[in-house]
Protein backbone atom coordinates (compact mmCIF):
# COMPACT_ATOMS: atom_id res chain seq x y z
CA UNK A 1 63.40 45.36 109.83
CA UNK A 2 66.51 47.44 109.18
CA UNK A 3 67.76 47.24 112.78
CA UNK A 4 69.27 43.78 112.75
CA UNK A 5 70.91 42.55 115.87
CA UNK A 6 74.53 41.61 116.16
CA UNK A 7 73.75 37.89 115.99
CA UNK A 8 72.01 38.12 112.61
CA UNK A 9 74.11 36.95 109.67
CA UNK A 10 71.95 38.58 106.97
CA UNK A 11 72.49 42.03 105.50
CA UNK A 12 69.78 44.43 104.37
CA UNK A 13 70.21 46.13 100.99
CA UNK A 14 68.35 49.44 101.17
CA UNK A 15 68.21 49.46 97.37
CA UNK A 16 67.89 52.06 94.63
CA UNK A 17 64.12 52.46 94.29
CA UNK A 18 62.11 54.70 96.65
CA UNK A 19 58.74 53.25 97.81
CA UNK A 20 56.65 55.42 95.45
CA UNK A 21 55.47 55.69 91.85
CA UNK A 22 58.86 57.10 90.91
CA UNK A 23 60.43 53.97 92.37
CA UNK A 24 58.13 51.78 90.27
CA UNK A 25 59.00 53.74 87.11
CA UNK A 26 62.72 53.43 87.88
CA UNK A 27 62.26 49.70 88.47
CA UNK A 28 60.56 49.24 85.07
CA UNK A 29 63.29 51.31 83.39
CA UNK A 30 66.09 49.28 85.00
CA UNK A 31 64.41 45.99 83.99
CA UNK A 32 64.11 47.21 80.38
CA UNK A 33 67.78 48.24 80.40
CA UNK A 34 68.67 44.82 81.82
CA UNK A 35 66.76 43.02 79.03
CA UNK A 36 68.39 45.24 76.39
CA UNK A 37 71.83 44.47 77.86
CA UNK A 38 71.13 40.72 77.83
CA UNK A 39 69.91 40.80 74.22
CA UNK A 40 72.67 43.12 73.00
CA UNK A 41 75.58 41.28 74.61
CA UNK A 42 74.28 37.81 73.74
CA UNK A 43 73.77 38.95 70.13
CA UNK A 44 77.31 40.35 69.99
CA UNK A 45 78.82 37.11 71.35
CA UNK A 46 76.85 34.93 68.92
CA UNK A 47 77.55 37.21 65.97
CA UNK A 48 81.31 37.17 66.55
CA UNK A 49 81.26 33.41 67.16
CA UNK A 50 79.26 32.58 64.00
CA UNK A 51 80.81 35.04 61.51
CA UNK A 52 84.31 33.89 60.51
CA UNK A 53 85.18 37.39 59.21
CA UNK A 54 85.07 38.61 62.81
CA UNK A 55 87.52 35.98 64.07
CA UNK A 56 90.26 38.56 64.68
CA UNK A 57 91.98 39.70 67.91
CA UNK A 58 89.93 42.90 68.04
CA UNK A 59 86.60 41.07 67.92
CA UNK A 60 87.84 38.28 70.17
CA UNK A 61 88.48 40.94 72.82
CA UNK A 62 85.11 42.52 72.05
CA UNK A 63 83.30 39.20 72.56
CA UNK A 64 85.01 38.89 75.95
CA UNK A 65 83.86 42.40 76.83
CA UNK A 66 80.29 41.37 76.00
CA UNK A 67 80.67 38.22 78.11
CA UNK A 68 81.92 40.26 81.08
CA UNK A 69 79.12 42.83 80.68
CA UNK A 70 76.53 40.06 80.45
CA UNK A 71 77.69 38.57 83.76
CA UNK A 72 78.33 41.99 85.30
CA UNK A 73 74.76 43.25 85.00
CA UNK A 74 73.39 39.79 85.85
CA UNK A 75 75.28 39.88 89.16
CA UNK A 76 73.52 43.08 90.25
CA UNK A 77 70.09 43.60 88.66
CA UNK A 78 68.23 40.27 89.27
CA UNK A 79 68.79 40.44 93.05
CA UNK A 80 67.92 44.13 93.14
CA UNK A 81 64.73 43.53 91.14
CA UNK A 82 63.64 40.51 93.21
CA UNK A 83 64.15 42.48 96.43
CA UNK A 84 61.88 45.25 95.12
CA UNK A 85 59.17 42.90 93.81
CA UNK A 86 59.10 40.62 96.87
CA UNK A 87 59.59 43.42 99.37
CA UNK A 88 62.37 41.42 101.02
CA UNK A 89 65.60 43.40 101.13
CA UNK A 90 67.70 40.82 102.94
CA UNK A 91 70.72 39.03 101.49
CA UNK A 92 72.61 36.28 103.28
CA UNK A 93 76.16 36.81 104.52
CA UNK A 94 77.50 34.23 102.03
CA UNK A 95 75.30 35.60 99.24
CA UNK A 96 76.71 39.06 99.88
CA UNK A 97 80.23 37.64 99.70
CA UNK A 98 79.53 35.91 96.38
CA UNK A 99 77.97 39.03 94.89
CA UNK A 100 80.90 41.17 96.02
CA UNK A 101 83.40 38.64 94.63
CA UNK A 102 81.80 38.44 91.17
CA UNK A 103 81.30 42.20 91.01
CA UNK A 104 84.96 42.94 91.79
CA UNK A 105 86.25 40.13 89.53
CA UNK A 106 84.22 41.31 86.54
CA UNK A 107 84.96 44.98 87.25
CA UNK A 108 88.71 44.39 87.39
CA UNK A 109 88.69 42.11 84.35
CA UNK A 110 86.78 44.69 82.30
CA UNK A 111 89.19 47.48 83.25
CA UNK A 112 92.18 45.39 82.11
CA UNK A 113 90.39 44.15 78.99
CA UNK A 114 89.63 47.72 77.89
CA UNK A 115 93.37 48.41 78.21
CA UNK A 116 94.10 45.39 76.00
CA UNK A 117 91.62 46.69 73.43
CA UNK A 118 93.37 50.07 73.43
CA UNK A 119 96.72 48.33 72.86
CA UNK A 120 95.18 46.36 70.00
CA UNK A 121 94.07 49.58 68.23
CA UNK A 122 97.43 51.22 68.97
CA UNK A 123 99.36 48.39 67.27
CA UNK A 124 96.86 48.10 64.38
CA UNK A 125 97.12 51.81 63.49
CA UNK A 126 100.69 52.72 64.49
CA UNK A 127 102.42 49.43 63.56
CA UNK A 128 100.17 47.72 60.97
CA UNK A 129 102.99 45.56 59.56
CA UNK A 130 103.83 44.23 63.03
CA UNK A 131 100.20 43.59 63.97
CA UNK A 132 100.10 39.82 63.16
CA UNK A 133 103.11 39.29 65.45
CA UNK A 134 102.30 41.69 68.29
CA UNK A 135 98.63 40.69 68.38
CA UNK A 136 98.85 37.00 67.57
CA UNK A 137 96.27 34.50 68.77
CA UNK A 138 98.59 33.50 71.64
CA UNK A 139 99.00 37.12 72.79
CA UNK A 140 95.23 37.66 72.60
CA UNK A 141 94.55 34.58 74.74
CA UNK A 142 97.18 35.69 77.28
CA UNK A 143 95.57 39.14 77.51
CA UNK A 144 92.13 37.66 78.12
CA UNK A 145 93.37 35.06 80.61
CA UNK A 146 95.48 37.63 82.43
CA UNK A 147 92.52 40.00 82.77
CA UNK A 148 90.35 37.29 84.35
CA UNK A 149 93.11 36.01 86.68
CA UNK A 150 94.20 39.46 87.89
CA UNK A 151 90.58 40.48 88.44
CA UNK A 152 89.93 37.28 90.42
CA UNK A 153 93.01 37.67 92.64
CA UNK A 154 92.18 41.28 93.46
CA UNK A 155 88.54 40.39 94.11
CA UNK A 156 89.42 37.44 96.33
CA UNK A 157 91.65 39.59 98.54
CA UNK A 158 89.00 42.29 99.03
CA UNK A 159 86.12 39.84 99.56
CA UNK A 160 87.98 37.71 102.11
CA UNK A 161 88.88 40.82 104.09
CA UNK A 162 85.28 42.11 103.98
CA UNK A 163 83.90 38.77 105.20
CA UNK A 164 86.29 38.66 108.16
CA UNK A 165 85.48 42.14 109.46
CA UNK A 166 83.45 42.12 112.70
CA UNK A 167 80.11 43.85 112.08
CA UNK A 168 78.51 45.15 115.25
CA UNK A 169 76.32 47.97 113.98
CA UNK A 170 73.14 47.96 111.90
CA UNK A 171 73.22 45.40 109.08
CA UNK A 172 71.63 47.84 106.62
CA UNK A 173 73.88 48.48 103.59
CA UNK A 174 72.93 51.79 102.01
CA UNK A 175 73.40 50.51 98.45
CA UNK A 176 71.66 48.31 95.89
CA UNK A 177 74.38 45.63 95.97
CA UNK A 178 77.11 44.41 98.32
CA UNK A 179 79.70 47.08 97.63
CA UNK A 180 82.64 46.55 99.99
CA UNK A 181 83.21 50.26 100.84
CA UNK A 182 79.50 50.55 101.73
CA UNK A 183 79.85 47.47 103.96
CA UNK A 184 82.84 49.01 105.77
CA UNK A 185 80.62 51.71 107.26
CA UNK A 186 79.00 48.95 109.35
CA UNK A 187 82.29 47.65 110.78
CA UNK A 188 83.09 48.08 114.48
CA UNK A 189 86.83 48.42 113.90
CA UNK A 190 89.12 50.97 112.31
CA UNK A 191 89.39 50.17 108.58
CA UNK A 192 91.83 52.88 107.47
CA UNK A 193 94.42 50.27 106.40
CA UNK A 194 91.88 48.56 104.16
CA UNK A 195 90.73 51.91 102.75
CA UNK A 196 94.33 52.52 101.75
CA UNK A 197 94.42 49.15 99.92
CA UNK A 198 91.21 50.14 98.09
CA UNK A 199 93.00 53.30 96.95
CA UNK A 200 96.00 51.24 95.77
CA UNK A 201 93.79 48.72 93.93
CA UNK A 202 91.82 51.51 92.24
CA UNK A 203 95.07 53.12 91.14
CA UNK A 204 96.41 49.83 89.73
CA UNK A 205 93.19 48.71 88.01
CA UNK A 206 91.72 52.05 86.93
CA UNK A 207 94.13 55.00 87.05
CA UNK A 208 97.23 53.37 85.51
CA UNK A 209 95.23 51.58 82.77
CA UNK A 210 93.42 54.84 81.97
CA UNK A 211 96.74 56.70 81.68
CA UNK A 212 98.02 53.91 79.40
CA UNK A 213 94.88 54.14 77.26
CA UNK A 214 95.19 57.94 77.04
CA UNK A 215 98.85 57.72 76.01
CA UNK A 216 98.16 55.03 73.39
CA UNK A 217 95.34 57.05 71.86
CA UNK A 218 97.53 60.14 71.85
CA UNK A 219 99.96 58.20 69.65
CA UNK A 220 97.06 56.87 67.58
CA UNK A 221 95.69 60.37 66.91
CA UNK A 222 99.12 61.51 65.73
CA UNK A 223 99.32 58.50 63.40
CA UNK A 224 95.80 59.22 62.07
CA UNK A 225 96.72 62.83 61.30
CA UNK A 226 99.60 61.58 59.13
CA UNK A 227 97.37 59.22 57.11
CA UNK A 228 96.98 60.08 53.42
CA UNK A 229 93.86 57.98 52.89
CA UNK A 230 90.66 59.84 53.82
CA UNK A 231 88.74 56.56 54.11
CA UNK A 232 91.40 55.05 56.37
CA UNK A 233 91.40 58.18 58.52
CA UNK A 234 87.61 58.07 58.93
CA UNK A 235 87.67 54.39 59.81
CA UNK A 236 90.42 54.88 62.38
CA UNK A 237 88.62 57.86 63.95
CA UNK A 238 85.38 55.87 64.15
CA UNK A 239 87.03 52.89 65.87
CA UNK A 240 89.01 55.01 68.33
CA UNK A 241 86.15 57.36 69.24
CA UNK A 242 83.93 54.33 69.89
CA UNK A 243 86.45 52.81 72.30
CA UNK A 244 87.14 56.14 74.02
CA UNK A 245 83.40 56.60 74.62
CA UNK A 246 83.18 53.18 76.28
CA UNK A 247 86.32 53.81 78.35
CA UNK A 248 85.11 57.19 79.61
CA UNK A 249 81.66 55.88 80.58
CA UNK A 250 83.25 53.05 82.57
CA UNK A 251 86.41 54.49 84.13
CA UNK A 252 85.26 58.01 85.12
CA UNK A 253 82.43 57.19 87.57
CA UNK A 254 84.21 54.05 88.86
CA UNK A 255 87.45 55.89 89.64
CA UNK A 256 85.66 58.92 91.09
CA UNK A 257 83.70 56.67 93.46
CA UNK A 258 86.61 54.60 94.78
CA UNK A 259 89.36 57.23 94.92
CA UNK A 260 87.47 59.55 97.24
CA UNK A 261 88.03 59.22 101.00
CA UNK A 262 85.06 58.06 103.07
CA UNK A 263 84.55 61.56 104.52
CA UNK A 264 83.77 62.97 101.05
CA UNK A 265 81.45 60.17 99.95
CA UNK A 266 77.66 60.12 100.17
CA UNK A 267 75.50 56.98 99.75
CA UNK A 268 73.08 58.72 97.36
CA UNK A 269 75.89 59.90 95.07
CA UNK A 270 77.63 56.50 95.19
CA UNK A 271 74.43 54.75 94.10
CA UNK A 272 73.88 57.13 91.18
CA UNK A 273 77.49 56.72 90.00
CA UNK A 274 77.25 52.92 90.43
CA UNK A 275 74.30 52.86 88.00
CA UNK A 276 76.67 54.04 85.26
CA UNK A 277 79.30 51.29 85.57
CA UNK A 278 77.04 48.42 86.68
CA UNK A 279 73.86 48.95 84.61
CA UNK A 280 74.20 51.58 81.87
CA UNK A 281 77.65 50.63 80.54
CA UNK A 282 76.78 46.91 79.98
CA UNK A 283 73.72 48.05 78.02
CA UNK A 284 75.48 50.78 76.01
CA UNK A 285 78.62 48.83 75.02
CA UNK A 286 76.99 46.50 72.44
CA UNK A 287 74.94 49.42 71.04
CA UNK A 288 78.00 51.65 70.65
CA UNK A 289 80.15 48.93 69.12
CA UNK A 290 77.45 47.72 66.70
CA UNK A 291 76.01 51.03 65.46
CA UNK A 292 79.43 52.64 64.94
CA UNK A 293 81.16 49.60 63.44
CA UNK A 294 80.67 48.80 59.76
CA UNK A 295 82.08 45.27 60.09
CA UNK A 296 79.67 44.38 62.90
CA UNK A 297 76.72 45.87 61.01
CA UNK A 298 77.79 43.96 57.89
CA UNK A 299 77.98 40.71 59.86
CA UNK A 300 74.54 41.43 61.31
CA UNK A 301 73.06 41.97 57.83
CA UNK A 302 74.60 38.72 56.60
CA UNK A 303 73.20 36.86 59.60
CA UNK A 304 69.70 38.28 59.00
CA UNK A 305 69.91 37.28 55.31
CA UNK A 306 70.89 33.71 56.30
CA UNK A 307 67.95 33.47 58.69
CA UNK A 308 65.55 34.77 56.03
CA UNK A 309 66.87 32.26 53.48
CA UNK A 310 66.46 29.40 55.97
CA UNK A 311 62.85 30.39 56.62
CA UNK A 312 62.12 30.46 52.89
C-alpha cells in the first residue's frame, strides 16, 4: 500500500500512531486534546466578543490568536484521526496541497501575531500615556490583517513550489500531515535552492520576530523593575510571563525543526516536535491566558452569572 507507483496522484501519510495499544492510547489522548482546544478557543473567542470590558487591542489580538489556533489544530487532527480510524492513510494530491497551504498560512500568521502581542505589552508598560495612539483600533486591525496577508503570501509560494515538484519515488510521507520539507524527500530533483528559501522564510517569520519579542520584553522587564506599585508590578509580570510561555512553546520547536539541514533531521524527531506547535500549543494557549489572567477570569465569572440568572 505504501509503494505507490509514479502515476498515482495520492500521497500516503504514515501518521503518528503505531499499530498497537500504545497507538490507540495516543489516538484517544490526541482526540481529547483536540476537543479541549476546540472548547477552549471557542470559549475565548465568544467571551471576548460578548464582554465589552475585553474590547481592547490586547484582547482583540488574543481573540485572533484563538481563531488561528482553532483553525490550526482543525487543519491537522481531523484528517489524522480519520486516517487512523478508517485505516486509510491516503490523501489526494490536491488535499495535500490545501492542508499544506492552510498549515503554513496559519503558522506564519500566528508567529507574526505573537510579535504584535509583544509590541502591545511593550507599549502598554513602557509608554502607557502613548498607548491609545500607538495601539489604536486602526493599528490593531492593520496588525491582524498584515499577519494574515503575510502568512498567506509565504504559504502560497511554498505550496505552489511543492505542488510543481516532480515526485518519482515512493508516495509515502513520513509525517502525520503534509509538511513540505517531508514531501521534499520524495522529489526526484535537487531541492537545495528550495531548502535555502525555507531557511530564509523561517528566519523572517520565526527568528527575527523572536529576537524582536526578546528585545521588547527586555525593555519591559527593566520598566517593571522601576515600578513603585507592587500590584502593578505583579500584574505586569503575570501578563508578560504568560505571553513568554506561549511564545517559547510555539517558536522553539518550530524554529528548531525548520532551521536544521535535511542531513540532521529525522522523521521521528520532526513528528514529536510538530506535536508541540500543531496540537499542544493550540490547546494550551486558552488555558494559559485564562487561568493566569484576572480580567479573563472575571469575564468568565460574569458570563456564568448571566447564564445562571437566565435559567432562573
